[in-house]
Amino acid sequence: MVRTGKNTWKVLTIIFFFTAVGIMFTVGLALFASWQSGSNGNFILNSSKNSDKIALVRIEEVILSSANVVGQIEHWADNKDIKAIIIRIVSPGGGVAQSQEIFHAILLAKKKKPIVASMGTVAASGGYYIASATDKIIAVPGTITGSIGVIAQFTNMEKLFDTIGMSSIVFKSGKYKDAGSPFRPFTEEDHKLMQGIIDDVYNQFIEDVANSRNMELEKVRKLADGRIFTGRQALSNGLIDELGTFRDSVKAATEMAGIGNDPEIVEVDKKSNFLEWLLAELDIAIPAKVFTPPGIYYLWAAW
């Protein structure tokens, strides 16, 4: 009778686990689809006749898609009424490719007009990577930034499946085809393969930062061990240009653009879908560790 009770609890625990995973996976896919949709919204300028306008582009989430932000940057760069662009970053980073696409969009756009990065609560890893492409980076003293590096995490569920008597059968075309599978451990060869990829993407990160910030590569490398910095520490290490608020970022953009002291700030009128609206109304924070799909990231893992 006792054995039966233990088995019942084991079964219930397993059912609860897979139900929770299923719910998280479903919500994660929905969020991912939302981010991946890359809707650019409607580009609307305020109706005033003020010709001194600065565009605001917000990056305020884990970076899982680049289409929306790239579309905004390209639009404002080509709009003659826009004299400068501010990239407002409140993000722990995100996907490597997505961060790189935004980075390169900024490099192209700043050939046409000045671009200032304004850092909020956190602008780490991919968030810092994107900021480094701008003409000037401004952060408050308490901003969390840095975390220069690359991370990839995989989950192994072998012991769980052994406990419940499940196993997987895999047919593959090459020995690395199922590398990272949760159903088998990493081999030494898998580790070497993955580490080689991580090292190459890491070098891309520090090379881009060094080039865009006009810093010596070795100086960036010494700072690029994954550690985070406050805004004040980042300033002393040459990772940002100035301490200040969003208002100071507007002032800097105004001066760089050579326009009046009272510019009009415009941004995309983005129509959120129902899921985005619901999460905002409920003030739900999305844990990056739970909902980021498998992959290689410029991401502050503590987020």
Protein backbone atom coordinates (compact mmCIF):
# COMPACT_ATOMS: atom_id res chain seq x y z
CA MET A 1 0.00 0.00 0.00
CA VAL A 2 2.88 2.40 0.86
CA ARG A 3 4.60 1.56 -2.42
CA THR A 4 1.43 2.39 -4.31
CA GLY A 5 1.24 5.75 -2.56
CA LYS A 6 4.83 6.59 -3.51
CA ASN A 7 4.20 5.63 -7.10
CA THR A 8 1.07 7.78 -7.16
CA TRP A 9 2.98 10.81 -5.97
CA LYS A 10 5.73 10.10 -8.49
CA VAL A 11 3.20 9.95 -11.31
CA LEU A 12 1.48 13.12 -10.11
CA THR A 13 4.82 14.91 -9.87
CA ILE A 14 5.71 13.87 -13.40
CA ILE A 15 2.31 14.95 -14.72
CA PHE A 16 2.65 18.31 -12.97
CA PHE A 17 6.15 18.77 -14.35
CA PHE A 18 5.20 18.10 -17.95
CA THR A 19 2.05 20.20 -17.63
CA ALA A 20 4.11 23.14 -16.36
CA VAL A 21 6.68 22.65 -19.11
CA GLY A 22 3.88 22.45 -21.68
CA ILE A 23 2.33 25.69 -20.47
CA MET A 24 5.66 27.51 -20.44
CA PHE A 25 6.52 26.16 -23.86
CA THR A 26 3.17 27.24 -25.29
CA VAL A 27 3.42 30.74 -23.83
CA GLY A 28 7.04 30.90 -24.92
CA LEU A 29 6.13 30.04 -28.50
CA ALA A 30 3.38 32.64 -28.48
CA LEU A 31 5.78 35.30 -27.23
CA PHE A 32 8.44 34.21 -29.67
CA ALA A 33 5.95 34.42 -32.52
CA SER A 34 4.99 37.89 -31.33
CA TRP A 35 8.61 39.05 -31.27
CA GLN A 36 9.41 37.32 -34.54
CA SER A 37 6.50 38.96 -36.31
CA GLY A 38 8.60 42.09 -36.46
CA SER A 39 5.65 44.39 -37.09
CA ASN A 40 7.02 47.86 -37.71
CA GLY A 41 3.82 49.59 -36.67
CA ASN A 42 2.77 52.89 -38.24
CA PHE A 43 5.42 55.55 -38.67
CA ILE A 44 3.67 58.71 -37.57
CA LEU A 45 5.13 62.17 -37.06
CA ASN A 46 3.34 64.58 -34.78
CA SER A 47 1.29 67.11 -36.69
CA SER A 48 3.14 70.19 -35.44
CA LYS A 49 5.15 72.32 -37.84
CA ASN A 50 8.28 72.03 -35.72
CA SER A 51 11.02 70.96 -38.15
CA ASP A 52 13.45 70.06 -35.36
CA LYS A 53 12.55 66.45 -34.69
CA ILE A 54 14.43 63.61 -32.99
CA ALA A 55 13.29 60.01 -33.41
CA LEU A 56 13.14 57.64 -30.46
CA VAL A 57 13.66 53.90 -31.00
CA ARG A 58 13.02 51.69 -27.99
CA ILE A 59 14.71 48.36 -27.24
CA GLU A 60 13.03 47.34 -24.00
CA GLU A 61 12.93 43.55 -23.98
CA VAL A 62 15.05 40.48 -24.52
CA ILE A 63 16.22 40.79 -28.13
CA LEU A 64 14.62 37.87 -29.96
CA SER A 65 13.79 39.70 -33.17
CA SER A 66 15.47 42.52 -35.07
CA ALA A 67 12.95 43.33 -37.81
CA ASN A 68 10.98 45.89 -35.81
CA VAL A 69 13.99 47.88 -34.59
CA VAL A 70 15.89 47.69 -37.88
CA GLY A 71 12.78 48.88 -39.72
CA GLN A 72 12.46 51.87 -37.42
CA ILE A 73 16.13 52.82 -37.69
CA GLU A 74 16.06 52.62 -41.49
CA HIS A 75 12.86 54.64 -41.69
CA TRP A 76 14.07 57.46 -39.46
CA ALA A 77 17.48 57.53 -41.12
CA ASP A 78 15.81 58.23 -44.48
CA ASN A 79 13.28 60.73 -43.13
CA LYS A 80 14.47 64.28 -43.84
CA ASP A 81 12.39 65.70 -40.97
CA ILE A 82 14.39 63.66 -38.45
CA LYS A 83 17.64 65.30 -37.42
CA ALA A 84 18.92 62.69 -34.96
CA ILE A 85 17.99 59.30 -33.49
CA ILE A 86 18.02 58.15 -29.86
CA ILE A 87 18.19 54.41 -29.17
CA ARG A 88 16.66 53.84 -25.73
CA ILE A 89 18.00 50.54 -24.37
CA VAL A 90 16.54 48.68 -21.38
CA SER A 91 17.57 45.14 -22.25
CA PRO A 92 19.83 42.35 -20.97
CA GLY A 93 20.67 41.45 -24.57
CA GLY A 94 19.46 38.52 -26.61
CA GLY A 95 20.14 36.64 -29.82
CA VAL A 96 23.51 37.03 -31.51
CA ALA A 97 22.25 37.43 -35.08
CA GLN A 98 19.46 39.79 -34.03
CA SER A 99 21.86 41.99 -32.06
CA GLN A 100 24.28 42.05 -34.99
CA GLU A 101 21.55 43.08 -37.44
CA ILE A 102 20.57 46.03 -35.24
CA PHE A 103 24.24 46.92 -34.73
CA HIS A 104 24.88 47.11 -38.47
CA ALA A 105 21.66 49.05 -39.10
CA ILE A 106 22.95 51.70 -36.68
CA LEU A 107 26.35 51.82 -38.40
CA LEU A 108 24.63 52.57 -41.72
CA ALA A 109 22.16 55.06 -40.23
CA LYS A 110 24.76 57.13 -38.42
CA LYS A 111 26.37 57.94 -41.76
CA LYS A 112 23.23 60.03 -42.38
CA LYS A 113 22.54 61.56 -38.96
CA PRO A 114 23.81 61.40 -35.35
CA ILE A 115 22.67 58.54 -33.13
CA VAL A 116 22.80 58.53 -29.34
CA ALA A 117 22.33 55.51 -27.07
CA SER A 118 20.40 56.16 -23.85
CA MET A 119 20.83 53.36 -21.29
CA GLY A 120 18.13 52.67 -18.72
CA THR A 121 18.06 50.16 -15.88
CA VAL A 122 20.06 47.56 -17.78
CA ALA A 123 21.82 47.60 -21.13
CA ALA A 124 23.98 44.52 -20.92
CA SER A 125 25.58 42.05 -23.33
CA GLY A 126 23.66 42.41 -26.62
CA GLY A 127 22.21 45.64 -25.23
CA TYR A 128 25.71 47.04 -24.79
CA TYR A 129 26.80 45.60 -28.14
CA ILE A 130 24.05 47.58 -29.90
CA ALA A 131 24.85 50.74 -27.94
CA SER A 132 28.52 50.54 -28.95
CA ALA A 133 27.55 51.16 -32.58
CA THR A 134 26.14 54.63 -31.82
CA ASP A 135 27.97 57.97 -31.87
CA LYS A 136 27.58 58.52 -28.12
CA ILE A 137 26.53 56.34 -25.16
CA ILE A 138 24.91 57.94 -22.13
CA ALA A 139 23.94 56.01 -18.98
CA VAL A 140 22.85 56.85 -15.47
CA PRO A 141 25.39 56.00 -12.74
CA GLY A 142 23.36 52.98 -11.62
CA THR A 143 22.79 51.45 -15.05
CA ILE A 144 23.87 47.81 -15.26
CA THR A 145 25.89 47.31 -18.42
CA GLY A 146 28.82 45.28 -19.72
CA SER A 147 28.38 41.51 -19.54
CA ILE A 148 30.40 41.36 -22.74
CA GLY A 149 30.46 37.73 -23.80
CA VAL A 150 28.53 34.80 -25.18
CA ILE A 151 26.39 32.15 -23.52
CA ALA A 152 24.66 28.97 -24.62
CA GLN A 153 22.78 26.72 -22.21
CA PHE A 154 21.40 23.23 -22.74
CA THR A 155 19.20 21.05 -20.54
CA ASN A 156 19.85 17.36 -20.05
CA MET A 157 16.82 15.30 -19.02
CA GLU A 158 18.33 11.80 -19.10
CA LYS A 159 17.94 11.16 -15.37
CA LEU A 160 14.34 12.32 -15.40
CA PHE A 161 13.49 9.96 -18.27
CA ASP A 162 15.38 7.12 -16.57
CA THR A 163 13.23 7.67 -13.49
CA ILE A 164 9.98 7.37 -15.41
CA GLY A 165 11.22 4.63 -17.72
CA MET A 166 11.30 6.66 -20.93
CA SER A 167 13.97 6.62 -23.62
CA SER A 168 14.49 8.15 -27.06
CA ILE A 169 15.54 6.57 -30.33
CA VAL A 170 17.43 8.87 -32.69
CA PHE A 171 18.32 8.45 -36.35
CA LYS A 172 20.85 10.99 -37.58
CA SER A 173 22.99 11.76 -40.60
CA GLY A 174 26.13 12.75 -38.71
CA LYS A 175 27.63 12.43 -35.24
CA TYR A 176 27.01 16.08 -34.40
CA LYS A 177 23.44 16.25 -35.67
CA ASP A 178 21.93 15.75 -32.21
CA ALA A 179 24.57 17.71 -30.29
CA GLY A 180 22.77 19.58 -27.51
CA SER A 181 19.88 17.12 -27.38
CA PRO A 182 18.32 16.85 -23.90
CA PHE A 183 18.23 13.07 -24.34
CA ARG A 184 21.97 12.41 -24.29
CA PRO A 185 25.01 13.91 -22.55
CA PHE A 186 27.55 16.13 -24.27
CA THR A 187 30.58 14.23 -25.52
CA GLU A 188 34.09 15.68 -25.43
CA GLU A 189 33.82 16.26 -29.19
CA ASP A 190 30.52 18.10 -28.69
CA HIS A 191 32.17 20.35 -26.12
CA LYS A 192 35.02 21.20 -28.49
CA LEU A 193 32.61 21.94 -31.32
CA MET A 194 30.40 24.20 -29.22
CA GLN A 195 33.30 25.98 -27.54
CA GLY A 196 34.79 26.73 -30.95
CA ILE A 197 31.53 28.37 -32.00
CA ILE A 198 31.32 30.34 -28.74
CA ASP A 199 34.91 31.56 -29.10
CA ASP A 200 34.35 32.75 -32.66
CA VAL A 201 31.13 34.62 -31.80
CA TYR A 202 32.89 36.10 -28.74
CA ASN A 203 35.71 37.40 -30.93
CA GLN A 204 33.12 38.99 -33.24
CA PHE A 205 31.68 40.79 -30.21
CA ILE A 206 34.92 42.28 -28.92
CA GLU A 207 36.20 43.14 -32.41
CA ASP A 208 33.02 45.07 -33.20
CA VAL A 209 33.12 46.91 -29.87
CA ALA A 210 36.80 47.77 -30.29
CA ASN A 211 36.26 49.09 -33.82
CA SER A 212 33.11 51.08 -33.11
CA ARG A 213 34.39 52.51 -29.82
CA ASN A 214 37.94 53.17 -31.12
CA MET A 215 39.39 51.09 -28.31
CA GLU A 216 42.36 48.76 -28.34
CA LEU A 217 41.26 45.18 -28.84
CA GLU A 218 43.21 43.92 -25.82
CA LYS A 219 41.66 46.56 -23.58
CA VAL A 220 38.19 45.39 -24.60
CA ARG A 221 39.22 41.76 -24.14
CA LYS A 222 40.31 42.43 -20.55
CA LEU A 223 36.86 43.87 -19.80
CA ALA A 224 35.04 41.16 -21.75
CA ASP A 225 35.00 38.31 -19.26
CA GLY A 226 31.26 38.51 -18.70
CA ARG A 227 31.41 40.87 -15.74
CA ILE A 228 28.86 43.63 -15.35
CA PHE A 229 29.58 47.29 -14.63
CA THR A 230 27.60 50.18 -13.21
CA GLY A 231 27.27 53.19 -15.45
CA ARG A 232 29.95 54.97 -13.44
CA GLN A 233 32.34 52.01 -13.70
CA ALA A 234 31.65 51.74 -17.42
CA LEU A 235 32.56 55.40 -17.85
CA SER A 236 35.89 54.97 -16.07
CA ASN A 237 36.67 51.98 -18.30
CA GLY A 238 35.82 53.80 -21.52
CA LEU A 239 32.76 51.70 -22.32
CA ILE A 240 30.40 54.70 -22.33
CA ASP A 241 30.88 58.41 -23.00
CA GLU A 242 28.85 60.27 -20.41
CA LEU A 243 26.70 59.93 -17.30
CA GLY A 244 23.22 61.36 -17.59
CA THR A 245 19.50 60.79 -17.88
CA PHE A 246 17.27 60.41 -20.93
CA ARG A 247 16.88 64.19 -20.92
CA ASP A 248 20.66 64.48 -21.22
CA SER A 249 20.54 62.11 -24.19
CA VAL A 250 18.04 64.41 -25.88
CA LYS A 251 20.29 67.38 -25.18
CA ALA A 252 23.29 65.55 -26.62
CA ALA A 253 21.38 64.54 -29.76
CA THR A 254 20.15 68.11 -30.16
CA GLU A 255 23.67 69.52 -29.97
CA MET A 256 25.08 66.90 -32.33
CA ALA A 257 22.33 67.62 -34.86
CA GLY A 258 22.81 71.37 -34.56
CA ILE A 259 19.12 72.09 -34.02
CA GLY A 260 17.08 74.20 -31.58
CA ASN A 261 16.91 73.53 -27.86
CA ASP A 262 13.30 72.35 -27.92
CA PRO A 263 13.17 69.43 -30.37
CA GLU A 264 10.08 67.34 -30.90
CA ILE A 265 10.50 63.66 -29.94
CA VAL A 266 8.68 61.25 -32.25
CA GLU A 267 8.43 57.49 -32.30
CA VAL A 268 6.57 54.64 -33.93
CA ASP A 269 2.88 54.29 -33.17
CA LYS A 270 3.11 50.55 -32.67
CA LYS A 271 -0.13 48.62 -32.45
CA SER A 272 0.42 45.85 -29.91
CA ASN A 273 -1.21 42.48 -30.38
CA PHE A 274 -3.48 41.05 -27.68
CA LEU A 275 -0.73 39.08 -25.94
CA GLU A 276 1.56 42.10 -25.68
CA TRP A 277 -1.33 44.19 -24.36
CA LEU A 278 -2.27 41.54 -21.78
CA LEU A 279 1.27 41.18 -20.48
CA ALA A 280 1.62 44.95 -20.20
CA GLU A 281 -1.73 45.32 -18.41
CA LEU A 282 -0.83 42.58 -15.93
CA ASP A 283 2.71 43.93 -15.62
CA ILE A 284 4.14 40.47 -16.19
CA ALA A 285 7.91 40.22 -16.49
CA ILE A 286 9.05 37.46 -18.85
CA PRO A 287 11.98 35.48 -17.44
CA ALA A 288 14.59 35.31 -20.18
CA LYS A 289 15.91 31.95 -18.97
CA VAL A 290 12.51 30.32 -19.37
CA PHE A 291 11.31 31.76 -22.63
CA THR A 292 14.40 32.24 -24.75
CA PRO A 293 14.55 29.44 -27.34
CA PRO A 294 17.71 27.28 -27.51
CA GLY A 295 20.61 29.05 -29.15
CA ILE A 296 23.71 31.18 -28.65
CA TYR A 297 23.18 34.56 -27.01
CA TYR A 298 24.69 37.90 -26.17
CA LEU A 299 22.68 37.81 -22.95
CA TRP A 300 23.23 38.67 -19.30
CA ALA A 301 22.29 35.31 -17.77
CA ALA A 302 21.19 36.80 -14.44
CA TRP A 303 18.19 38.55 -16.04
